[in-house]
Amino acid sequence: MNMNSDQETSESRVSKGGNRSGAGRKAIGITRKLSLTLTEKDWAEIDRRCDRGDYSVSEIIRSIIEDHLREVDSL
């Protein structure tokens, strides 16, 4: 059994992963945590849209807000 080969393998595993420049999901904006109260009907509609298009709740709500802000700007 070659000990150097085993050590090199475990060392190469350690060097992968972790915090690296350019790694991970790119930010699309500033994250702020909030609590949102909606009716059961509204949550059901958001859940339906999530399931229909394989979107997250955040994506659906972000889309609704962006659409509304564009609409308000055009007035």
C-alpha atoms as a PDB file:
ATOM      1  CA  MET A   1       0.000   0.000   0.000  1.00  0.00           C
ATOM      2  CA  ASN A   2       1.428   3.353  -1.014  1.00  0.00           C
ATOM      3  CA  MET A   3       0.880   5.916   1.773  1.00  0.00           C
ATOM      4  CA  ASN A   4       1.835   8.858  -0.424  1.00  0.00           C
ATOM      5  CA  SER A   5      -0.934   8.024  -2.880  1.00  0.00           C
ATOM      6  CA  ASP A   6      -3.529   7.926  -0.051  1.00  0.00           C
ATOM      7  CA  GLN A   7      -2.289  11.213   1.386  1.00  0.00           C
ATOM      8  CA  GLU A   8      -2.341  12.909  -2.006  1.00  0.00           C
ATOM      9  CA  THR A   9      -5.902  11.719  -2.607  1.00  0.00           C
ATOM     10  CA  SER A  10      -7.188  13.033   0.730  1.00  0.00           C
ATOM     11  CA  GLU A  11      -5.285  16.308   0.293  1.00  0.00           C
ATOM     12  CA  SER A  12      -6.783  16.833  -3.157  1.00  0.00           C
ATOM     13  CA  ARG A  13     -10.268  16.295  -1.692  1.00  0.00           C
ATOM     14  CA  VAL A  14      -9.626  18.933   0.936  1.00  0.00           C
ATOM     15  CA  SER A  15      -8.572  21.492  -1.660  1.00  0.00           C
ATOM     16  CA  LYS A  16     -11.910  21.215  -3.498  1.00  0.00           C
ATOM     17  CA  GLY A  17     -15.024  23.057  -2.413  1.00  0.00           C
ATOM     18  CA  GLY A  18     -15.226  25.841   0.097  1.00  0.00           C
ATOM     19  CA  ASN A  19     -15.200  29.564  -0.489  1.00  0.00           C
ATOM     20  CA  ARG A  20     -13.707  30.290  -3.918  1.00  0.00           C
ATOM     21  CA  SER A  21     -13.731  33.452  -5.962  1.00  0.00           C
ATOM     22  CA  GLY A  22     -16.517  33.273  -8.534  1.00  0.00           C
ATOM     23  CA  ALA A  23     -18.072  30.139  -7.045  1.00  0.00           C
ATOM     24  CA  GLY A  24     -21.744  29.717  -6.183  1.00  0.00           C
ATOM     25  CA  ARG A  25     -24.995  31.274  -7.277  1.00  0.00           C
ATOM     26  CA  LYS A  26     -24.689  34.843  -8.542  1.00  0.00           C
ATOM     27  CA  ALA A  27     -26.621  37.440  -6.550  1.00  0.00           C
ATOM     28  CA  ILE A  28     -29.606  39.053  -8.233  1.00  0.00           C
ATOM     29  CA  GLY A  29     -30.059  41.743  -5.599  1.00  0.00           C
ATOM     30  CA  ILE A  30     -30.081  42.473  -1.899  1.00  0.00           C
ATOM     31  CA  THR A  31     -31.719  39.881   0.345  1.00  0.00           C
ATOM     32  CA  ARG A  32     -34.032  41.171   3.066  1.00  0.00           C
ATOM     33  CA  LYS A  33     -36.027  38.860   5.274  1.00  0.00           C
ATOM     34  CA  LEU A  34     -39.680  39.730   5.733  1.00  0.00           C
ATOM     35  CA  SER A  35     -42.916  38.265   6.915  1.00  0.00           C
ATOM     36  CA  LEU A  36     -45.819  38.390   4.494  1.00  0.00           C
ATOM     37  CA  THR A  37     -49.429  37.855   5.511  1.00  0.00           C
ATOM     38  CA  LEU A  38     -51.825  36.914   2.728  1.00  0.00           C
ATOM     39  CA  THR A  39     -55.210  35.247   2.571  1.00  0.00           C
ATOM     40  CA  GLU A  40     -55.373  31.487   2.159  1.00  0.00           C
ATOM     41  CA  LYS A  41     -56.751  32.098  -1.330  1.00  0.00           C
ATOM     42  CA  ASP A  42     -53.708  34.202  -2.299  1.00  0.00           C
ATOM     43  CA  TRP A  43     -51.244  31.643  -0.879  1.00  0.00           C
ATOM     44  CA  ALA A  44     -53.093  28.897  -2.750  1.00  0.00           C
ATOM     45  CA  GLU A  45     -52.729  30.873  -5.995  1.00  0.00           C
ATOM     46  CA  ILE A  46     -49.000  31.393  -5.365  1.00  0.00           C
ATOM     47  CA  ASP A  47     -48.596  27.674  -4.627  1.00  0.00           C
ATOM     48  CA  ARG A  48     -50.522  26.820  -7.809  1.00  0.00           C
ATOM     49  CA  ARG A  49     -48.230  29.038  -9.878  1.00  0.00           C
ATOM     50  CA  CYS A  50     -45.164  27.495  -8.237  1.00  0.00           C
ATOM     51  CA  ASP A  51     -46.344  23.976  -9.045  1.00  0.00           C
ATOM     52  CA  ARG A  52     -47.430  24.853 -12.567  1.00  0.00           C
ATOM     53  CA  GLY A  53     -44.077  26.252 -13.630  1.00  0.00           C
ATOM     54  CA  ASP A  54     -41.650  24.681 -11.156  1.00  0.00           C
ATOM     55  CA  TYR A  55     -40.882  28.108  -9.644  1.00  0.00           C
ATOM     56  CA  SER A  56     -40.048  29.035  -6.067  1.00  0.00           C
ATOM     57  CA  VAL A  57     -42.307  31.239  -3.947  1.00  0.00           C
ATOM     58  CA  SER A  58     -39.611  33.929  -4.104  1.00  0.00           C
ATOM     59  CA  GLU A  59     -39.575  33.828  -7.910  1.00  0.00           C
ATOM     60  CA  ILE A  60     -43.365  34.162  -8.100  1.00  0.00           C
ATOM     61  CA  ILE A  61     -43.548  37.036  -5.607  1.00  0.00           C
ATOM     62  CA  ARG A  62     -40.558  38.784  -7.233  1.00  0.00           C
ATOM     63  CA  SER A  63     -42.292  38.529 -10.626  1.00  0.00           C
ATOM     64  CA  ILE A  64     -45.558  39.938  -9.254  1.00  0.00           C
ATOM     65  CA  ILE A  65     -43.740  42.875  -7.628  1.00  0.00           C
ATOM     66  CA  GLU A  66     -41.640  43.613 -10.728  1.00  0.00           C
ATOM     67  CA  ASP A  67     -44.726  43.499 -12.987  1.00  0.00           C
ATOM     68  CA  HIS A  68     -46.601  45.836 -10.659  1.00  0.00           C
ATOM     69  CA  LEU A  69     -43.698  48.301 -10.434  1.00  0.00           C
ATOM     70  CA  ARG A  70     -43.389  48.403 -14.248  1.00  0.00           C
ATOM     71  CA  GLU A  71     -47.144  49.003 -14.505  1.00  0.00           C
ATOM     72  CA  VAL A  72     -46.995  51.857 -11.988  1.00  0.00           C
ATOM     73  CA  ASP A  73     -44.047  53.435 -13.845  1.00  0.00           C
ATOM     74  CA  SER A  74     -46.011  53.469 -17.087  1.00  0.00           C
ATOM     75  CA  LEU A  75     -48.884  55.504 -15.617  1.00  0.00           C
END
